PDB file of N, CA and C in Angstrom:
ATOM      1  N   UNK A   1    -121.881 -67.856 -99.716  1.00  0.00           N
ATOM      2  CA  UNK A   1    -121.756 -67.028-100.904  1.00  0.00           C
ATOM      3  C   UNK A   1    -120.353 -67.180-101.481  1.00  0.00           C
ATOM      4  N   UNK A   2    -120.278 -67.372-102.739  1.00  0.00           N
ATOM      5  CA  UNK A   2    -118.996 -67.448-103.413  1.00  0.00           C
ATOM      6  C   UNK A   2    -118.387 -66.052-103.484  1.00  0.00           C
ATOM      7  N   UNK A   3    -117.080 -65.996-103.335  1.00  0.00           N
ATOM      8  CA  UNK A   3    -116.374 -64.722-103.458  1.00  0.00           C
ATOM      9  C   UNK A   3    -114.999 -64.983-104.049  1.00  0.00           C
ATOM     10  N   UNK A   4    -114.285 -63.930-104.329  1.00  0.00           N
ATOM     11  CA  UNK A   4    -112.981 -64.047-104.973  1.00  0.00           C
ATOM     12  C   UNK A   4    -112.031 -64.937-104.162  1.00  0.00           C
ATOM     13  N   UNK A   5    -111.918 -64.682-102.865  1.00  0.00           N
ATOM     14  CA  UNK A   5    -110.991 -65.445-102.023  1.00  0.00           C
ATOM     15  C   UNK A   5    -111.328 -66.937-102.097  1.00  0.00           C
ATOM     16  N   UNK A   6    -112.592 -67.275-101.877  1.00  0.00           N
ATOM     17  CA  UNK A   6    -112.997 -68.687-101.925  1.00  0.00           C
ATOM     18  C   UNK A   6    -112.785 -69.279-103.306  1.00  0.00           C
ATOM     19  N   UNK A   7    -113.077 -68.505-104.331  1.00  0.00           N
ATOM     20  CA  UNK A   7    -112.899 -69.016-105.690  1.00  0.00           C
ATOM     21  C   UNK A   7    -111.437 -69.298-106.003  1.00  0.00           C
ATOM     22  N   UNK A   8    -110.529 -68.470-105.522  1.00  0.00           N
ATOM     23  CA  UNK A   8    -109.097 -68.728-105.730  1.00  0.00           C
ATOM     24  C   UNK A   8    -108.678 -69.980-104.961  1.00  0.00           C
ATOM     25  N   UNK A   9    -109.117 -70.066-103.723  1.00  0.00           N
ATOM     26  CA  UNK A   9    -108.773 -71.235-102.906  1.00  0.00           C
ATOM     27  C   UNK A   9    -109.294 -72.519-103.551  1.00  0.00           C
ATOM     28  N   UNK A  10    -110.477 -72.453-104.135  1.00  0.00           N
ATOM     29  CA  UNK A  10    -111.083 -73.627-104.773  1.00  0.00           C
ATOM     30  C   UNK A  10    -110.650 -73.819-106.225  1.00  0.00           C
ATOM     31  N   UNK A  11    -109.695 -73.011-106.668  1.00  0.00           N
ATOM     32  CA  UNK A  11    -109.162 -73.077-108.034  1.00  0.00           C
ATOM     33  C   UNK A  11    -110.216 -72.761-109.094  1.00  0.00           C
ATOM     34  N   UNK A  12    -111.201 -71.949-108.722  1.00  0.00           N
ATOM     35  CA  UNK A  12    -112.213 -71.489-109.674  1.00  0.00           C
ATOM     36  C   UNK A  12    -111.878 -70.108-110.228  1.00  0.00           C
ATOM     37  N   UNK A  13    -110.817 -69.498-109.716  1.00  0.00           N
ATOM     38  CA  UNK A  13    -110.350 -68.185-110.179  1.00  0.00           C
ATOM     39  C   UNK A  13    -108.847 -68.115-109.951  1.00  0.00           C
ATOM     40  N   UNK A  14    -108.221 -67.165-110.623  1.00  0.00           N
ATOM     41  CA  UNK A  14    -106.786 -66.918-110.424  1.00  0.00           C
ATOM     42  C   UNK A  14    -106.608 -65.496-109.915  1.00  0.00           C
ATOM     43  N   UNK A  15    -105.462 -65.231-109.348  1.00  0.00           N
ATOM     44  CA  UNK A  15    -105.200 -63.919-108.740  1.00  0.00           C
ATOM     45  C   UNK A  15    -105.448 -62.766-109.703  1.00  0.00           C
ATOM     46  N   UNK A  16    -105.102 -62.958-110.951  1.00  0.00           N
ATOM     47  CA  UNK A  16    -105.247 -61.883-111.936  1.00  0.00           C
ATOM     48  C   UNK A  16    -106.696 -61.500-112.220  1.00  0.00           C
ATOM     49  N   UNK A  17    -107.637 -62.286-111.752  1.00  0.00           N
ATOM     50  CA  UNK A  17    -109.045 -62.016-112.014  1.00  0.00           C
ATOM     51  C   UNK A  17    -109.698 -61.100-110.983  1.00  0.00           C
ATOM     52  N   UNK A  18    -108.948 -60.603-110.041  1.00  0.00           N
ATOM     53  CA  UNK A  18    -109.537 -59.772-108.986  1.00  0.00           C
ATOM     54  C   UNK A  18    -110.244 -58.539-109.560  1.00  0.00           C
ATOM     55  N   UNK A  19    -109.681 -57.945-110.599  1.00  0.00           N
ATOM     56  CA  UNK A  19    -110.325 -56.772-111.202  1.00  0.00           C
ATOM     57  C   UNK A  19    -111.675 -57.122-111.820  1.00  0.00           C
ATOM     58  N   UNK A  20    -111.818 -58.339-112.326  1.00  0.00           N
ATOM     59  CA  UNK A  20    -113.101 -58.792-112.861  1.00  0.00           C
ATOM     60  C   UNK A  20    -114.149 -58.862-111.745  1.00  0.00           C
ATOM     61  N   UNK A  21    -113.729 -59.326-110.585  1.00  0.00           N
ATOM     62  CA  UNK A  21    -114.645 -59.404-109.444  1.00  0.00           C
ATOM     63  C   UNK A  21    -115.042 -58.003-108.973  1.00  0.00           C
ATOM     64  N   UNK A  22    -114.101 -57.087-108.996  1.00  0.00           N
ATOM     65  CA  UNK A  22    -114.416 -55.714-108.599  1.00  0.00           C
ATOM     66  C   UNK A  22    -115.399 -55.090-109.593  1.00  0.00           C
ATOM     67  N   UNK A  23    -115.214 -55.379-110.861  1.00  0.00           N
ATOM     68  CA  UNK A  23    -116.162 -54.883-111.863  1.00  0.00           C
ATOM     69  C   UNK A  23    -117.552 -55.464-111.615  1.00  0.00           C
ATOM     70  N   UNK A  24    -117.617 -56.769-111.306  1.00  0.00           N
ATOM     71  CA  UNK A  24    -118.907 -57.395-110.991  1.00  0.00           C
ATOM     72  C   UNK A  24    -119.556 -56.710-109.786  1.00  0.00           C
ATOM     73  N   UNK A  25    -118.743 -56.354-108.788  1.00  0.00           N
ATOM     74  CA  UNK A  25    -119.264 -55.662-107.608  1.00  0.00           C
ATOM     75  C   UNK A  25    -119.857 -54.316-108.011  1.00  0.00           C
ATOM     76  N   UNK A  26    -119.126 -53.565-108.850  1.00  0.00           N
ATOM     77  CA  UNK A  26    -119.623 -52.267-109.322  1.00  0.00           C
ATOM     78  C   UNK A  26    -120.942 -52.424-110.081  1.00  0.00           C
ATOM     79  N   UNK A  27    -121.057 -53.497-110.849  1.00  0.00           N
ATOM     80  CA  UNK A  27    -122.246 -53.726-111.674  1.00  0.00           C
ATOM     81  C   UNK A  27    -123.411 -54.338-110.891  1.00  0.00           C
ATOM     82  N   UNK A  28    -123.157 -54.780-109.683  1.00  0.00           N
ATOM     83  CA  UNK A  28    -124.200 -55.440-108.897  1.00  0.00           C
ATOM     84  C   UNK A  28    -125.006 -54.420-108.087  1.00  0.00           C
ATOM     85  N   UNK A  29    -126.072 -54.895-107.503  1.00  0.00           N
ATOM     86  CA  UNK A  29    -126.877 -54.034-106.636  1.00  0.00           C
ATOM     87  C   UNK A  29    -126.723 -54.447-105.171  1.00  0.00           C
ATOM     88  N   UNK A  30    -125.602 -55.048-104.853  1.00  0.00           N
ATOM     89  CA  UNK A  30    -125.339 -55.525-103.501  1.00  0.00           C
ATOM     90  C   UNK A  30    -125.138 -54.367-102.528  1.00  0.00           C
ATOM     91  N   UNK A  31    -125.470 -54.610-101.284  1.00  0.00           N
ATOM     92  CA  UNK A  31    -125.263 -53.619-100.234  1.00  0.00           C
ATOM     93  C   UNK A  31    -123.932 -53.813 -99.520  1.00  0.00           C
ATOM     94  N   UNK A  32    -123.220 -54.865 -99.851  1.00  0.00           N
ATOM     95  CA  UNK A  32    -121.962 -55.116 -99.144  1.00  0.00           C
ATOM     96  C   UNK A  32    -120.830 -54.269 -99.733  1.00  0.00           C
ATOM     97  N   UNK A  33    -119.811 -54.102 -98.933  1.00  0.00           N
ATOM     98  CA  UNK A  33    -118.639 -53.339 -99.364  1.00  0.00           C
ATOM     99  C   UNK A  33    -117.832 -54.170-100.354  1.00  0.00           C
ATOM    100  N   UNK A  34    -116.926 -53.517-101.048  1.00  0.00           N
ATOM    101  CA  UNK A  34    -116.096 -54.237-102.018  1.00  0.00           C
ATOM    102  C   UNK A  34    -115.232 -55.280-101.326  1.00  0.00           C
ATOM    103  N   UNK A  35    -114.707 -54.970-100.141  1.00  0.00           N
ATOM    104  CA  UNK A  35    -113.854 -55.959 -99.484  1.00  0.00           C
ATOM    105  C   UNK A  35    -114.668 -57.176 -99.032  1.00  0.00           C
ATOM    106  N   UNK A  36    -115.901 -56.960 -98.609  1.00  0.00           N
ATOM    107  CA  UNK A  36    -116.764 -58.087 -98.251  1.00  0.00           C
ATOM    108  C   UNK A  36    -117.091 -58.915 -99.490  1.00  0.00           C
ATOM    109  N   UNK A  37    -117.366 -58.238-100.583  1.00  0.00           N
ATOM    110  CA  UNK A  37    -117.682 -58.905-101.843  1.00  0.00           C
ATOM    111  C   UNK A  37    -116.519 -59.793-102.295  1.00  0.00           C
ATOM    112  N   UNK A  38    -115.302 -59.308-102.072  1.00  0.00           N
ATOM    113  CA  UNK A  38    -114.114 -60.076-102.452  1.00  0.00           C
ATOM    114  C   UNK A  38    -113.820 -61.206-101.470  1.00  0.00           C
ATOM    115  N   UNK A  39    -114.388 -61.119-100.257  1.00  0.00           N
ATOM    116  CA  UNK A  39    -114.129 -62.122 -99.226  1.00  0.00           C
ATOM    117  C   UNK A  39    -112.992 -61.750 -98.307  1.00  0.00           C
ATOM    118  N   UNK A  40    -112.624 -60.474 -98.301  1.00  0.00           N
ATOM    119  CA  UNK A  40    -111.522 -59.980 -97.474  1.00  0.00           C
ATOM    120  C   UNK A  40    -112.055 -59.214 -96.269  1.00  0.00           C
ATOM    121  N   UNK A  41    -111.179 -59.057 -95.298  1.00  0.00           N
ATOM    122  CA  UNK A  41    -111.466 -58.115 -94.228  1.00  0.00           C
ATOM    123  C   UNK A  41    -111.098 -56.721 -94.743  1.00  0.00           C
ATOM    124  N   UNK A  42    -111.535 -55.717 -94.046  1.00  0.00           N
ATOM    125  CA  UNK A  42    -111.179 -54.350 -94.438  1.00  0.00           C
ATOM    126  C   UNK A  42    -109.667 -54.163 -94.392  1.00  0.00           C
ATOM    127  N   UNK A  43    -109.044 -54.701 -93.370  1.00  0.00           N
ATOM    128  CA  UNK A  43    -107.587 -54.594 -93.240  1.00  0.00           C
ATOM    129  C   UNK A  43    -106.869 -55.260 -94.412  1.00  0.00           C
ATOM    130  N   UNK A  44    -107.326 -56.445 -94.789  1.00  0.00           N
ATOM    131  CA  UNK A  44    -106.724 -57.147 -95.922  1.00  0.00           C
ATOM    132  C   UNK A  44    -106.904 -56.354 -97.216  1.00  0.00           C
ATOM    133  N   UNK A  45    -108.077 -55.795 -97.389  1.00  0.00           N
ATOM    134  CA  UNK A  45    -108.349 -55.020 -98.600  1.00  0.00           C
ATOM    135  C   UNK A  45    -107.398 -53.830 -98.703  1.00  0.00           C
ATOM    136  N   UNK A  46    -107.251 -53.084 -97.618  1.00  0.00           N
ATOM    137  CA  UNK A  46    -106.362 -51.925 -97.664  1.00  0.00           C
ATOM    138  C   UNK A  46    -104.901 -52.339 -97.818  1.00  0.00           C
ATOM    139  N   UNK A  47    -104.550 -53.475 -97.269  1.00  0.00           N
ATOM    140  CA  UNK A  47    -103.195 -53.993 -97.471  1.00  0.00           C
ATOM    141  C   UNK A  47    -102.974 -54.299 -98.945  1.00  0.00           C
ATOM    142  N   UNK A  48    -103.950 -54.950 -99.579  1.00  0.00           N
ATOM    143  CA  UNK A  48    -103.856 -55.267-101.008  1.00  0.00           C
ATOM    144  C   UNK A  48    -103.823 -53.988-101.846  1.00  0.00           C
ATOM    145  N   UNK A  49    -104.657 -53.004-101.508  1.00  0.00           N
ATOM    146  CA  UNK A  49    -104.670 -51.740-102.258  1.00  0.00           C
ATOM    147  C   UNK A  49    -103.313 -51.054-102.153  1.00  0.00           C
ATOM    148  N   UNK A  50    -102.723 -51.129-100.977  1.00  0.00           N
ATOM    149  CA  UNK A  50    -101.409 -50.513-100.759  1.00  0.00           C
ATOM    150  C   UNK A  50    -100.349 -51.164-101.635  1.00  0.00           C
ATOM    151  N   UNK A  51    -100.420 -52.501-101.764  1.00  0.00           N
ATOM    152  CA  UNK A  51     -99.441 -53.219-102.572  1.00  0.00           C
ATOM    153  C   UNK A  51    -100.017 -54.583-102.942  1.00  0.00           C
ATOM    154  N   UNK A  52    -100.297 -54.790-104.213  1.00  0.00           N
ATOM    155  CA  UNK A  52    -100.924 -56.044-104.643  1.00  0.00           C
ATOM    156  C   UNK A  52    -100.042 -57.271-104.424  1.00  0.00           C
ATOM    157  N   UNK A  53     -98.800 -57.042-104.078  1.00  0.00           N
ATOM    158  CA  UNK A  53     -97.882 -58.125-103.720  1.00  0.00           C
ATOM    159  C   UNK A  53     -98.468 -58.993-102.602  1.00  0.00           C
ATOM    160  N   UNK A  54     -99.248 -58.396-101.709  1.00  0.00           N
ATOM    161  CA  UNK A  54     -99.764 -59.103-100.541  1.00  0.00           C
ATOM    162  C   UNK A  54    -100.932 -60.038-100.849  1.00  0.00           C
ATOM    163  N   UNK A  55    -101.482 -59.984-102.035  1.00  0.00           N
ATOM    164  CA  UNK A  55    -102.671 -60.777-102.339  1.00  0.00           C
ATOM    165  C   UNK A  55    -102.452 -62.265-102.097  1.00  0.00           C
ATOM    166  N   UNK A  56    -101.313 -62.768-102.515  1.00  0.00           N
ATOM    167  CA  UNK A  56    -101.060 -64.200-102.322  1.00  0.00           C
ATOM    168  C   UNK A  56    -100.968 -64.561-100.840  1.00  0.00           C
ATOM    169  N   UNK A  57    -100.530 -63.627-100.007  1.00  0.00           N
ATOM    170  CA  UNK A  57    -100.462 -63.878 -98.572  1.00  0.00           C
ATOM    171  C   UNK A  57    -101.841 -63.767 -97.923  1.00  0.00           C
ATOM    172  N   UNK A  58    -102.685 -62.896 -98.456  1.00  0.00           N
ATOM    173  CA  UNK A  58    -104.064 -62.799 -97.980  1.00  0.00           C
ATOM    174  C   UNK A  58    -104.787 -64.120 -98.258  1.00  0.00           C
ATOM    175  N   UNK A  59    -104.591 -64.652 -99.458  1.00  0.00           N
ATOM    176  CA  UNK A  59    -105.187 -65.939 -99.818  1.00  0.00           C
ATOM    177  C   UNK A  59    -104.674 -67.026 -98.872  1.00  0.00           C
ATOM    178  N   UNK A  60    -103.390 -67.044 -98.634  1.00  0.00           N
ATOM    179  CA  UNK A  60    -102.798 -68.046 -97.754  1.00  0.00           C
ATOM    180  C   UNK A  60    -103.358 -67.946 -96.337  1.00  0.00           C
ATOM    181  N   UNK A  61    -103.548 -66.729 -95.845  1.00  0.00           N
ATOM    182  CA  UNK A  61    -104.116 -66.546 -94.507  1.00  0.00           C
ATOM    183  C   UNK A  61    -105.520 -67.140 -94.438  1.00  0.00           C
ATOM    184  N   UNK A  62    -106.301 -66.964 -95.488  1.00  0.00           N
ATOM    185  CA  UNK A  62    -107.646 -67.542 -95.516  1.00  0.00           C
ATOM    186  C   UNK A  62    -107.582 -69.070 -95.592  1.00  0.00           C
ATOM    187  N   UNK A  63    -106.648 -69.584 -96.359  1.00  0.00           N
ATOM    188  CA  UNK A  63    -106.498 -71.042 -96.443  1.00  0.00           C
ATOM    189  C   UNK A  63    -106.154 -71.638 -95.084  1.00  0.00           C
ATOM    190  N   UNK A  64    -105.317 -70.928 -94.331  1.00  0.00           N
ATOM    191  CA  UNK A  64    -104.879 -71.406 -93.013  1.00  0.00           C
ATOM    192  C   UNK A  64    -105.802 -70.959 -91.887  1.00  0.00           C
ATOM    193  N   UNK A  65    -106.808 -70.131 -92.250  1.00  0.00           N
ATOM    194  CA  UNK A  65    -107.774 -69.610 -91.283  1.00  0.00           C
ATOM    195  C   UNK A  65    -107.088 -68.877 -90.130  1.00  0.00           C
ATOM    196  N   UNK A  66    -106.135 -68.006 -90.501  1.00  0.00           N
ATOM    197  CA  UNK A  66    -105.476 -67.168 -89.502  1.00  0.00           C
ATOM    198  C   UNK A  66    -105.492 -65.719 -89.981  1.00  0.00           C
ATOM    199  N   UNK A  67    -105.303 -64.812 -89.063  1.00  0.00           N
ATOM    200  CA  UNK A  67    -105.246 -63.386 -89.364  1.00  0.00           C
ATOM    201  C   UNK A  67    -104.020 -63.100 -90.220  1.00  0.00           C
ATOM    202  N   UNK A  68    -104.174 -62.220 -91.185  1.00  0.00           N
ATOM    203  CA  UNK A  68    -103.067 -61.872 -92.088  1.00  0.00           C
ATOM    204  C   UNK A  68    -101.844 -61.386 -91.319  1.00  0.00           C
ATOM    205  N   UNK A  69    -102.057 -60.618 -90.265  1.00  0.00           N
ATOM    206  CA  UNK A  69    -100.917 -60.133 -89.474  1.00  0.00           C
ATOM    207  C   UNK A  69    -100.178 -61.284 -88.805  1.00  0.00           C
ATOM    208  N   UNK A  70    -100.930 -62.253 -88.307  1.00  0.00           N
ATOM    209  CA  UNK A  70    -100.290 -63.412 -87.694  1.00  0.00           C
ATOM    210  C   UNK A  70     -99.517 -64.220 -88.734  1.00  0.00           C
ATOM    211  N   UNK A  71    -100.099 -64.387 -89.893  1.00  0.00           N
ATOM    212  CA  UNK A  71     -99.410 -65.117 -90.950  1.00  0.00           C
ATOM    213  C   UNK A  71     -98.090 -64.436 -91.299  1.00  0.00           C
ATOM    214  N   UNK A  72     -98.144 -63.141 -91.506  1.00  0.00           N
ATOM    215  CA  UNK A  72     -96.924 -62.418 -91.868  1.00  0.00           C
ATOM    216  C   UNK A  72     -95.911 -62.445 -90.731  1.00  0.00           C
ATOM    217  N   UNK A  73     -96.388 -62.321 -89.525  1.00  0.00           N
ATOM    218  CA  UNK A  73     -95.483 -62.293 -88.376  1.00  0.00           C
ATOM    219  C   UNK A  73     -94.853 -63.652 -88.116  1.00  0.00           C
ATOM    220  N   UNK A  74     -95.674 -64.676 -88.031  1.00  0.00           N
ATOM    221  CA  UNK A  74     -95.190 -65.986 -87.621  1.00  0.00           C
ATOM    222  C   UNK A  74     -94.441 -66.743 -88.713  1.00  0.00           C
ATOM    223  N   UNK A  75     -94.896 -66.629 -89.944  1.00  0.00           N
ATOM    224  CA  UNK A  75     -94.332 -67.479 -90.979  1.00  0.00           C
ATOM    225  C   UNK A  75     -93.457 -66.771 -91.992  1.00  0.00           C
ATOM    226  N   UNK A  76     -93.723 -65.491 -92.237  1.00  0.00           N
ATOM    227  CA  UNK A  76     -93.089 -64.858 -93.378  1.00  0.00           C
ATOM    228  C   UNK A  76     -92.253 -63.620 -93.075  1.00  0.00           C
ATOM    229  N   UNK A  77     -92.134 -63.236 -91.829  1.00  0.00           N
ATOM    230  CA  UNK A  77     -91.438 -61.995 -91.520  1.00  0.00           C
ATOM    231  C   UNK A  77     -90.071 -61.939 -92.199  1.00  0.00           C
ATOM    232  N   UNK A  78     -89.223 -62.855 -91.891  1.00  0.00           N
ATOM    233  CA  UNK A  78     -87.888 -62.817 -92.498  1.00  0.00           C
ATOM    234  C   UNK A  78     -87.910 -63.281 -93.946  1.00  0.00           C
ATOM    235  N   UNK A  79     -88.790 -64.230 -94.277  1.00  0.00           N
ATOM    236  CA  UNK A  79     -88.837 -64.750 -95.640  1.00  0.00           C
ATOM    237  C   UNK A  79     -89.297 -63.694 -96.635  1.00  0.00           C
ATOM    238  N   UNK A  80     -90.255 -62.871 -96.241  1.00  0.00           N
ATOM    239  CA  UNK A  80     -90.747 -61.834 -97.146  1.00  0.00           C
ATOM    240  C   UNK A  80     -89.635 -60.881 -97.534  1.00  0.00           C
ATOM    241  N   UNK A  81     -88.890 -60.451 -96.555  1.00  0.00           N
ATOM    242  CA  UNK A  81     -87.813 -59.510 -96.832  1.00  0.00           C
ATOM    243  C   UNK A  81     -86.708 -60.201 -97.619  1.00  0.00           C
ATOM    244  N   UNK A  82     -86.337 -61.402 -97.215  1.00  0.00           N
ATOM    245  CA  UNK A  82     -85.240 -62.109 -97.864  1.00  0.00           C
ATOM    246  C   UNK A  82     -85.562 -62.492 -99.305  1.00  0.00           C
ATOM    247  N   UNK A  83     -86.826 -62.782 -99.597  1.00  0.00           N
ATOM    248  CA  UNK A  83     -87.199 -63.239-100.933  1.00  0.00           C
ATOM    249  C   UNK A  83     -87.777 -62.141-101.810  1.00  0.00           C
ATOM    250  N   UNK A  84     -87.668 -60.922-101.384  1.00  0.00           N
ATOM    251  CA  UNK A  84     -88.185 -59.816-102.178  1.00  0.00           C
ATOM    252  C   UNK A  84     -87.485 -59.778-103.525  1.00  0.00           C
ATOM    253  N   UNK A  85     -88.216 -59.310-104.508  1.00  0.00           N
ATOM    254  CA  UNK A  85     -87.650 -59.293-105.855  1.00  0.00           C
ATOM    255  C   UNK A  85     -86.719 -58.116-106.087  1.00  0.00           C
ATOM    256  N   UNK A  86     -86.715 -57.161-105.167  1.00  0.00           N
ATOM    257  CA  UNK A  86     -85.834 -56.009-105.308  1.00  0.00           C
ATOM    258  C   UNK A  86     -85.568 -55.405-103.931  1.00  0.00           C
ATOM    259  N   UNK A  87     -84.519 -54.623-103.807  1.00  0.00           N
ATOM    260  CA  UNK A  87     -84.269 -53.943-102.533  1.00  0.00           C
ATOM    261  C   UNK A  87     -85.414 -53.006-102.142  1.00  0.00           C
ATOM    262  N   UNK A  88     -86.042 -52.392-103.129  1.00  0.00           N
ATOM    263  CA  UNK A  88     -87.151 -51.482-102.844  1.00  0.00           C
ATOM    264  C   UNK A  88     -88.328 -52.246-102.238  1.00  0.00           C
ATOM    265  N   UNK A  89     -88.618 -53.411-102.800  1.00  0.00           N
ATOM    266  CA  UNK A  89     -89.708 -54.228-102.277  1.00  0.00           C
ATOM    267  C   UNK A  89     -89.385 -54.701-100.852  1.00  0.00           C
ATOM    268  N   UNK A  90     -88.147 -55.100-100.619  1.00  0.00           N
ATOM    269  CA  UNK A  90     -87.729 -55.529 -99.281  1.00  0.00           C
ATOM    270  C   UNK A  90     -87.909 -54.394 -98.281  1.00  0.00           C
ATOM    271  N   UNK A  91     -87.553 -53.194 -98.686  1.00  0.00           N
ATOM    272  CA  UNK A  91     -87.693 -52.041 -97.785  1.00  0.00           C
ATOM    273  C   UNK A  91     -89.164 -51.759 -97.484  1.00  0.00           C
ATOM    274  N   UNK A  92     -90.039 -51.846 -98.490  1.00  0.00           N
ATOM    275  CA  UNK A  92     -91.471 -51.637 -98.272  1.00  0.00           C
ATOM    276  C   UNK A  92     -92.011 -52.647 -97.273  1.00  0.00           C
ATOM    277  N   UNK A  93     -91.637 -53.894 -97.460  1.00  0.00           N
ATOM    278  CA  UNK A  93     -92.116 -54.949 -96.569  1.00  0.00           C
ATOM    279  C   UNK A  93     -91.580 -54.724 -95.160  1.00  0.00           C
ATOM    280  N   UNK A  94     -90.304 -54.424 -95.055  1.00  0.00           N
ATOM    281  CA  UNK A  94     -89.696 -54.172 -93.747  1.00  0.00           C
ATOM    282  C   UNK A  94     -90.396 -53.011 -93.045  1.00  0.00           C
ATOM    283  N   UNK A  95     -90.620 -51.923 -93.760  1.00  0.00           N
ATOM    284  CA  UNK A  95     -91.276 -50.754 -93.162  1.00  0.00           C
ATOM    285  C   UNK A  95     -92.699 -51.072 -92.727  1.00  0.00           C
ATOM    286  N   UNK A  96     -93.421 -51.857 -93.538  1.00  0.00           N
ATOM    287  CA  UNK A  96     -94.791 -52.229 -93.173  1.00  0.00           C
ATOM    288  C   UNK A  96     -94.791 -53.082 -91.913  1.00  0.00           C
ATOM    289  N   UNK A  97     -93.895 -54.062 -91.847  1.00  0.00           N
ATOM    290  CA  UNK A  97     -93.808 -54.914 -90.675  1.00  0.00           C
ATOM    291  C   UNK A  97     -93.454 -54.100 -89.436  1.00  0.00           C
ATOM    292  N   UNK A  98     -92.570 -53.146 -89.596  1.00  0.00           N
ATOM    293  CA  UNK A  98     -92.174 -52.292 -88.481  1.00  0.00           C
ATOM    294  C   UNK A  98     -93.366 -51.417 -88.048  1.00  0.00           C
ATOM    295  N   UNK A  99     -94.076 -50.866 -89.000  1.00  0.00           N
ATOM    296  CA  UNK A  99     -95.247 -50.025 -88.711  1.00  0.00           C
ATOM    297  C   UNK A  99     -96.312 -50.808 -87.952  1.00  0.00           C
ATOM    298  N   UNK A 100     -96.470 -52.078 -88.291  1.00  0.00           N
ATOM    299  CA  UNK A 100     -97.458 -52.945 -87.636  1.00  0.00           C
ATOM    300  C   UNK A 100     -96.966 -53.477 -86.297  1.00  0.00           C
ATOM    301  N   UNK A 101     -95.725 -53.148 -85.934  1.00  0.00           N
ATOM    302  CA  UNK A 101     -95.181 -53.606 -84.663  1.00  0.00           C
ATOM    303  C   UNK A 101     -94.746 -55.060 -84.671  1.00  0.00           C
ATOM    304  N   UNK A 102     -94.537 -55.611 -85.859  1.00  0.00           N
ATOM    305  CA  UNK A 102     -94.161 -57.021 -85.947  1.00  0.00           C
ATOM    306  C   UNK A 102     -92.658 -57.219 -85.777  1.00  0.00           C
ATOM    307  N   UNK A 103     -91.910 -56.175 -86.045  1.00  0.00           N
ATOM    308  CA  UNK A 103     -90.467 -56.217 -85.806  1.00  0.00           C
ATOM    309  C   UNK A 103     -90.055 -54.888 -85.195  1.00  0.00           C
ATOM    310  N   UNK A 104     -88.923 -54.899 -84.541  1.00  0.00           N
ATOM    311  CA  UNK A 104     -88.432 -53.662 -83.927  1.00  0.00           C
ATOM    312  C   UNK A 104     -87.309 -53.063 -84.714  1.00  0.00           C
TER     313      UNK A 104
END
């Protein structure tokens, strides 16, 4: 089944189209949850809802076929904080990583 995550990976959709997919889900008669419809895990969906900044990392985790937490921990822990667009964003990322037990 095609979904938002697969469509982005296959270059059939762009990140900004996620709301269009959610609207399609609302308009459909599917029994699946919105996160399943999008191609995300429940954890990924709530991470995205918390901060849409993570969407590109969720996509990357699917491309690499690894858990989002592992991706953030192994590859992006320091890079996410260092490359944040603002001190506030860096603090949010740092606090999330700390909450998840990825850093002490």
